[in-house]
Structure formats: C-alpha cells, structure tokens
Amino acid sequence: MKFIPDAAQGPSITGYGPGWVAVNGEQHHSSILVSSQGLCRPWGASSFADLLGGHFDELAALEPELVLFGSGPRIQFPPPQWLTALFGRRIGVETMDTHAACRTYNFLAGEGRKVVAALLV
C-alpha cells in the first residue's frame, strides 16, 4: 500500500525555536501572520506589550474560521475588548504559547480549515 500525503493548500510551519519560526523552510525572526489561505507576512506587534486592539481587528478582516494567537514563549491572554471584532464576526480565538500555536496551525490547516496563526516571535 502506498501512502501519498495531502498537499497543504497554504503555507506550513516547518520549524520553530527561541526567537524564530520557519514557514515553508524560511526562518522568520519577527512576529508573523500565517494563513491556510496562503498568507505569510509580518505582523505589526513585536511583543505582547506592543499589542493593541487594532492588531486583532486586522485578523478579523481576513475572515478565518479560527484565529490561533501565539502569545510568545508563555501564554498571555489579550483583553476581551480587543477581540470584539473577531467575536462580532463569529470567529473563534484560541490563545496559547507560540510553539503550541505552530503545532495546532499545521494540524488544522492539514484538515482544510480556514485558520490564521498570529504569532509573536
């Protein structure tokens, strides 16, 4: 029996470590947005302390089913008022450390879900 892996539609997170995340083999040393719909670009917040509600409004505009917020090396929850644009569009939000968000993104993207990972690196 021959197994053929499904081709992922969008970018895959291929590695991570302290201060970096690799997407399709290319290392990124600053915060990024990765979408199963093909997006991979820098995200304006460089750390949790730099976050503003507008960063999450930007995610709502992408219209995913789910946002995975990788809050850095440890889990930190954004204030609920920052998430109103997402909740208003019935977009789910899961907060976890960045490495857990990387693993979860690949799993959900592999299932064909419309997911965005917002990763603080």
N, C-alpha and C. Protein backbone atom coordinates (compact mmCIF):
# COMPACT_ATOMS: atom_id res chain seq x y z
N MET A 1 0.84 -1.17 0.00
CA MET A 1 0.00 0.00 0.00
C MET A 1 0.89 1.24 0.00
N LYS A 2 0.51 2.17 -0.82
CA LYS A 2 1.29 3.39 -0.95
C LYS A 2 0.50 4.54 -0.34
N PHE A 3 1.17 5.32 0.52
CA PHE A 3 0.55 6.49 1.13
C PHE A 3 1.08 7.74 0.45
N ILE A 4 0.17 8.59 0.08
CA ILE A 4 0.55 9.86 -0.53
C ILE A 4 0.01 10.97 0.35
N PRO A 5 0.89 11.81 0.90
CA PRO A 5 0.40 12.88 1.77
C PRO A 5 -0.43 13.90 1.00
N ASP A 6 -1.43 14.45 1.68
CA ASP A 6 -2.21 15.53 1.09
C ASP A 6 -1.33 16.76 0.95
N ALA A 7 -1.50 17.45 -0.11
CA ALA A 7 -0.77 18.70 -0.29
C ALA A 7 -1.49 19.80 0.47
N ALA A 8 -0.78 20.46 1.33
CA ALA A 8 -1.37 21.57 2.08
C ALA A 8 -1.68 22.71 1.12
N GLN A 9 -2.82 23.37 1.32
CA GLN A 9 -3.20 24.48 0.45
C GLN A 9 -2.32 25.70 0.68
N GLY A 10 -2.10 26.03 1.92
CA GLY A 10 -1.34 27.23 2.24
C GLY A 10 0.01 26.89 2.80
N PRO A 11 0.66 27.87 3.38
CA PRO A 11 1.99 27.65 3.97
C PRO A 11 1.94 26.70 5.16
N SER A 12 3.03 25.99 5.37
CA SER A 12 3.19 25.11 6.53
C SER A 12 4.27 25.67 7.43
N ILE A 13 4.07 25.51 8.72
CA ILE A 13 5.10 25.89 9.68
C ILE A 13 6.01 24.68 9.81
N THR A 14 7.26 24.86 9.39
CA THR A 14 8.18 23.73 9.29
C THR A 14 9.19 23.66 10.42
N GLY A 15 9.17 24.61 11.32
CA GLY A 15 10.08 24.57 12.47
C GLY A 15 9.89 25.79 13.34
N TYR A 16 10.42 25.70 14.55
CA TYR A 16 10.39 26.84 15.47
C TYR A 16 11.42 26.63 16.55
N GLY A 17 11.81 27.71 17.17
CA GLY A 17 12.76 27.68 18.27
C GLY A 17 12.72 29.02 18.97
N PRO A 18 13.58 29.22 19.96
CA PRO A 18 13.58 30.51 20.65
C PRO A 18 13.89 31.66 19.69
N GLY A 19 12.93 32.55 19.50
CA GLY A 19 13.14 33.73 18.67
C GLY A 19 12.97 33.53 17.18
N TRP A 20 12.43 32.40 16.73
CA TRP A 20 12.21 32.20 15.30
C TRP A 20 11.10 31.19 15.04
N VAL A 21 10.51 31.33 13.85
CA VAL A 21 9.52 30.39 13.32
C VAL A 21 9.87 30.21 11.85
N ALA A 22 9.85 28.98 11.36
CA ALA A 22 10.11 28.71 9.94
C ALA A 22 8.80 28.39 9.24
N VAL A 23 8.58 29.05 8.11
CA VAL A 23 7.40 28.81 7.29
C VAL A 23 7.90 28.36 5.92
N ASN A 24 7.50 27.16 5.53
CA ASN A 24 7.97 26.56 4.28
C ASN A 24 9.50 26.60 4.18
N GLY A 25 10.16 26.35 5.31
CA GLY A 25 11.61 26.26 5.35
C GLY A 25 12.34 27.59 5.53
N GLU A 26 11.63 28.70 5.49
CA GLU A 26 12.25 30.02 5.63
C GLU A 26 12.06 30.54 7.05
N GLN A 27 13.17 30.85 7.72
CA GLN A 27 13.10 31.33 9.11
C GLN A 27 12.67 32.80 9.16
N HIS A 28 11.79 33.07 10.14
CA HIS A 28 11.33 34.43 10.42
C HIS A 28 11.69 34.74 11.86
N HIS A 29 12.30 35.89 12.09
CA HIS A 29 12.75 36.27 13.43
C HIS A 29 11.92 37.40 14.02
N SER A 30 10.80 37.68 13.40
CA SER A 30 9.87 38.68 13.94
C SER A 30 8.45 38.12 13.83
N SER A 31 7.53 38.76 14.49
CA SER A 31 6.15 38.28 14.54
C SER A 31 5.54 38.21 13.15
N ILE A 32 4.74 37.17 12.92
CA ILE A 32 4.17 36.94 11.59
C ILE A 32 2.72 36.48 11.67
N LEU A 33 2.04 36.65 10.54
CA LEU A 33 0.72 36.08 10.31
C LEU A 33 0.87 34.99 9.26
N VAL A 34 0.28 33.84 9.54
CA VAL A 34 0.31 32.72 8.59
C VAL A 34 -1.12 32.23 8.44
N SER A 35 -1.57 32.08 7.20
CA SER A 35 -2.94 31.66 6.94
C SER A 35 -2.96 30.44 6.04
N SER A 36 -3.89 29.55 6.33
CA SER A 36 -4.05 28.37 5.47
C SER A 36 -4.55 28.77 4.08
N GLN A 37 -4.96 30.01 3.92
CA GLN A 37 -5.41 30.52 2.63
C GLN A 37 -4.27 31.13 1.81
N GLY A 38 -3.02 31.01 2.30
CA GLY A 38 -1.86 31.43 1.52
C GLY A 38 -1.09 32.63 2.05
N LEU A 39 -1.58 33.27 3.08
CA LEU A 39 -0.92 34.46 3.61
C LEU A 39 0.27 34.10 4.49
N CYS A 40 1.36 34.80 4.31
CA CYS A 40 2.51 34.73 5.22
C CYS A 40 3.20 36.08 5.14
N ARG A 41 3.01 36.89 6.20
CA ARG A 41 3.59 38.23 6.19
C ARG A 41 3.86 38.70 7.61
N PRO A 42 4.68 39.73 7.76
CA PRO A 42 4.97 40.25 9.09
C PRO A 42 3.70 40.76 9.78
N TRP A 43 3.68 40.66 11.10
CA TRP A 43 2.59 41.19 11.91
C TRP A 43 3.15 42.36 12.70
N GLY A 44 2.43 43.45 12.81
CA GLY A 44 2.92 44.69 13.38
C GLY A 44 3.39 44.68 14.82
N ALA A 45 2.97 43.72 15.61
CA ALA A 45 3.35 43.70 17.04
C ALA A 45 4.63 42.88 17.21
N SER A 46 5.62 43.47 17.87
CA SER A 46 6.87 42.73 18.07
C SER A 46 6.90 41.98 19.40
N SER A 47 6.01 42.34 20.32
CA SER A 47 5.93 41.64 21.61
C SER A 47 4.52 41.81 22.16
N PHE A 48 4.20 41.08 23.20
CA PHE A 48 2.88 41.19 23.81
C PHE A 48 2.62 42.61 24.28
N ALA A 49 3.63 43.26 24.82
CA ALA A 49 3.49 44.63 25.32
C ALA A 49 3.16 45.62 24.20
N ASP A 50 3.50 45.30 22.95
CA ASP A 50 3.24 46.18 21.81
C ASP A 50 1.85 46.00 21.21
N LEU A 51 1.12 44.99 21.65
CA LEU A 51 -0.19 44.71 21.06
C LEU A 51 -1.20 45.80 21.36
N LEU A 52 -2.09 46.00 20.39
CA LEU A 52 -3.23 46.90 20.53
C LEU A 52 -4.46 46.20 19.95
N GLY A 53 -5.61 46.70 20.26
CA GLY A 53 -6.83 46.11 19.72
C GLY A 53 -6.85 46.08 18.20
N GLY A 54 -6.23 47.06 17.57
CA GLY A 54 -6.19 47.11 16.11
C GLY A 54 -5.49 45.92 15.48
N HIS A 55 -4.55 45.32 16.19
CA HIS A 55 -3.88 44.13 15.66
C HIS A 55 -4.88 42.98 15.49
N PHE A 56 -5.86 42.90 16.38
CA PHE A 56 -6.86 41.84 16.29
C PHE A 56 -7.96 42.21 15.29
N ASP A 57 -8.24 43.51 15.12
CA ASP A 57 -9.17 43.94 14.07
C ASP A 57 -8.64 43.51 12.70
N GLU A 58 -7.33 43.61 12.52
CA GLU A 58 -6.68 43.19 11.28
C GLU A 58 -6.94 41.71 11.01
N LEU A 59 -6.94 40.89 12.05
CA LEU A 59 -7.19 39.46 11.89
C LEU A 59 -8.63 39.20 11.47
N ALA A 60 -9.56 39.96 12.03
CA ALA A 60 -10.97 39.79 11.69
C ALA A 60 -11.21 40.07 10.21
N ALA A 61 -10.48 41.03 9.65
CA ALA A 61 -10.64 41.38 8.24
C ALA A 61 -10.25 40.22 7.32
N LEU A 62 -9.45 39.29 7.80
CA LEU A 62 -9.03 38.13 7.00
C LEU A 62 -10.13 37.07 6.91
N GLU A 63 -11.15 37.16 7.77
CA GLU A 63 -12.31 36.28 7.78
C GLU A 63 -11.99 34.79 7.89
N PRO A 64 -11.15 34.40 8.83
CA PRO A 64 -10.92 32.97 9.03
C PRO A 64 -12.05 32.35 9.86
N GLU A 65 -12.05 31.03 9.96
CA GLU A 65 -12.95 30.35 10.90
C GLU A 65 -12.41 30.50 12.32
N LEU A 66 -11.07 30.47 12.42
CA LEU A 66 -10.42 30.43 13.72
C LEU A 66 -9.10 31.18 13.66
N VAL A 67 -8.80 31.91 14.74
CA VAL A 67 -7.51 32.57 14.91
C VAL A 67 -6.77 31.86 16.03
N LEU A 68 -5.54 31.47 15.76
CA LEU A 68 -4.65 30.93 16.79
C LEU A 68 -3.69 32.04 17.15
N PHE A 69 -3.78 32.53 18.38
CA PHE A 69 -2.90 33.59 18.83
C PHE A 69 -1.76 32.98 19.63
N GLY A 70 -0.56 33.01 19.06
CA GLY A 70 0.64 32.55 19.75
C GLY A 70 1.24 33.73 20.49
N SER A 71 1.11 33.73 21.82
CA SER A 71 1.42 34.91 22.63
C SER A 71 2.88 35.03 23.03
N GLY A 72 3.75 34.25 22.42
CA GLY A 72 5.17 34.29 22.77
C GLY A 72 5.57 33.04 23.52
N PRO A 73 6.66 33.10 24.29
CA PRO A 73 7.16 31.89 24.96
C PRO A 73 6.27 31.38 26.10
N ARG A 74 5.39 32.25 26.59
CA ARG A 74 4.43 31.80 27.62
C ARG A 74 3.06 32.34 27.27
N ILE A 75 2.05 31.68 27.77
CA ILE A 75 0.68 32.07 27.44
C ILE A 75 0.31 33.37 28.16
N GLN A 76 -0.21 34.31 27.38
CA GLN A 76 -0.70 35.59 27.89
C GLN A 76 -1.98 35.92 27.13
N PHE A 77 -3.04 36.20 27.85
CA PHE A 77 -4.34 36.43 27.22
C PHE A 77 -4.55 37.91 26.91
N PRO A 78 -5.02 38.21 25.70
CA PRO A 78 -5.34 39.60 25.38
C PRO A 78 -6.63 40.02 26.10
N PRO A 79 -6.78 41.30 26.38
CA PRO A 79 -8.02 41.77 27.00
C PRO A 79 -9.22 41.46 26.09
N PRO A 80 -10.34 41.04 26.65
CA PRO A 80 -11.51 40.68 25.83
C PRO A 80 -11.97 41.79 24.89
N GLN A 81 -11.82 43.05 25.29
CA GLN A 81 -12.28 44.14 24.42
C GLN A 81 -11.49 44.21 23.11
N TRP A 82 -10.29 43.67 23.08
CA TRP A 82 -9.52 43.63 21.85
C TRP A 82 -10.07 42.63 20.85
N LEU A 83 -10.87 41.70 21.31
CA LEU A 83 -11.35 40.61 20.47
C LEU A 83 -12.75 40.84 19.93
N THR A 84 -13.35 41.99 20.20
CA THR A 84 -14.74 42.22 19.82
C THR A 84 -14.97 42.11 18.31
N ALA A 85 -14.03 42.58 17.49
CA ALA A 85 -14.20 42.47 16.03
C ALA A 85 -14.25 41.00 15.60
N LEU A 86 -13.45 40.16 16.25
CA LEU A 86 -13.46 38.73 15.93
C LEU A 86 -14.76 38.09 16.40
N PHE A 87 -15.14 38.36 17.64
CA PHE A 87 -16.36 37.77 18.18
C PHE A 87 -17.59 38.25 17.42
N GLY A 88 -17.59 39.51 17.00
CA GLY A 88 -18.71 40.06 16.24
C GLY A 88 -18.92 39.37 14.90
N ARG A 89 -17.87 38.79 14.36
CA ARG A 89 -17.96 38.05 13.09
C ARG A 89 -18.02 36.55 13.32
N ARG A 90 -18.19 36.16 14.56
CA ARG A 90 -18.30 34.74 14.94
C ARG A 90 -17.03 33.96 14.56
N ILE A 91 -15.88 34.60 14.76
CA ILE A 91 -14.58 33.98 14.51
C ILE A 91 -14.02 33.52 15.85
N GLY A 92 -13.69 32.25 15.94
CA GLY A 92 -13.12 31.71 17.18
C GLY A 92 -11.69 32.17 17.39
N VAL A 93 -11.30 32.27 18.65
CA VAL A 93 -9.94 32.67 19.01
C VAL A 93 -9.42 31.70 20.06
N GLU A 94 -8.25 31.16 19.83
CA GLU A 94 -7.58 30.31 20.82
C GLU A 94 -6.23 30.94 21.12
N THR A 95 -5.94 31.13 22.39
CA THR A 95 -4.67 31.70 22.82
C THR A 95 -3.81 30.60 23.41
N MET A 96 -2.55 30.57 23.00
CA MET A 96 -1.59 29.57 23.51
C MET A 96 -0.19 30.12 23.30
N ASP A 97 0.81 29.44 23.84
CA ASP A 97 2.18 29.91 23.56
C ASP A 97 2.46 29.69 22.07
N THR A 98 3.44 30.39 21.56
CA THR A 98 3.70 30.38 20.12
C THR A 98 4.03 29.00 19.58
N HIS A 99 4.79 28.21 20.30
CA HIS A 99 5.15 26.88 19.79
C HIS A 99 3.92 25.98 19.70
N ALA A 100 3.03 26.05 20.68
CA ALA A 100 1.79 25.27 20.62
C ALA A 100 0.92 25.76 19.46
N ALA A 101 0.90 27.06 19.21
CA ALA A 101 0.12 27.59 18.10
C ALA A 101 0.66 27.10 16.76
N CYS A 102 1.97 26.96 16.64
CA CYS A 102 2.58 26.43 15.41
C CYS A 102 2.10 25.00 15.15
N ARG A 103 2.15 24.17 16.17
CA ARG A 103 1.72 22.77 16.01
C ARG A 103 0.23 22.69 15.67
N THR A 104 -0.57 23.47 16.36
CA THR A 104 -2.01 23.45 16.15
C THR A 104 -2.37 23.97 14.77
N TYR A 105 -1.69 25.00 14.31
CA TYR A 105 -1.93 25.54 12.97
C TYR A 105 -1.74 24.45 11.91
N ASN A 106 -0.63 23.73 11.96
CA ASN A 106 -0.37 22.70 10.96
C ASN A 106 -1.45 21.63 10.97
N PHE A 107 -1.90 21.25 12.14
CA PHE A 107 -2.94 20.23 12.25
C PHE A 107 -4.24 20.73 11.60
N LEU A 108 -4.68 21.93 11.97
CA LEU A 108 -5.94 22.45 11.45
C LEU A 108 -5.85 22.78 9.96
N ALA A 109 -4.73 23.33 9.52
CA ALA A 109 -4.56 23.62 8.09
C ALA A 109 -4.58 22.32 7.29
N GLY A 110 -3.98 21.26 7.84
CA GLY A 110 -3.97 19.96 7.18
C GLY A 110 -5.36 19.37 7.04
N GLU A 111 -6.27 19.77 7.92
CA GLU A 111 -7.66 19.33 7.83
C GLU A 111 -8.47 20.18 6.85
N GLY A 112 -7.84 21.19 6.28
CA GLY A 112 -8.53 22.06 5.34
C GLY A 112 -9.30 23.19 5.99
N ARG A 113 -9.04 23.46 7.27
CA ARG A 113 -9.74 24.55 7.97
C ARG A 113 -9.19 25.90 7.54
N LYS A 114 -10.03 26.90 7.57
CA LYS A 114 -9.62 28.28 7.26
C LYS A 114 -9.13 28.91 8.56
N VAL A 115 -7.82 28.82 8.78
CA VAL A 115 -7.22 29.22 10.05
C VAL A 115 -6.11 30.24 9.81
N VAL A 116 -5.98 31.17 10.77
CA VAL A 116 -4.89 32.14 10.76
C VAL A 116 -4.12 31.99 12.06
N ALA A 117 -2.80 31.90 11.96
CA ALA A 117 -1.93 31.91 13.14
C ALA A 117 -1.29 33.29 13.23
N ALA A 118 -1.53 33.97 14.34
CA ALA A 118 -0.90 35.26 14.63
C ALA A 118 0.15 34.99 15.68
N LEU A 119 1.41 35.01 15.28
CA LEU A 119 2.50 34.50 16.11
C LEU A 119 3.46 35.60 16.55
N LEU A 120 3.55 35.79 17.86
CA LEU A 120 4.56 36.68 18.42
C LEU A 120 5.84 35.88 18.56
N VAL A 121 6.91 36.34 17.93
CA VAL A 121 8.17 35.60 17.93
C VAL A 121 9.16 36.32 18.82
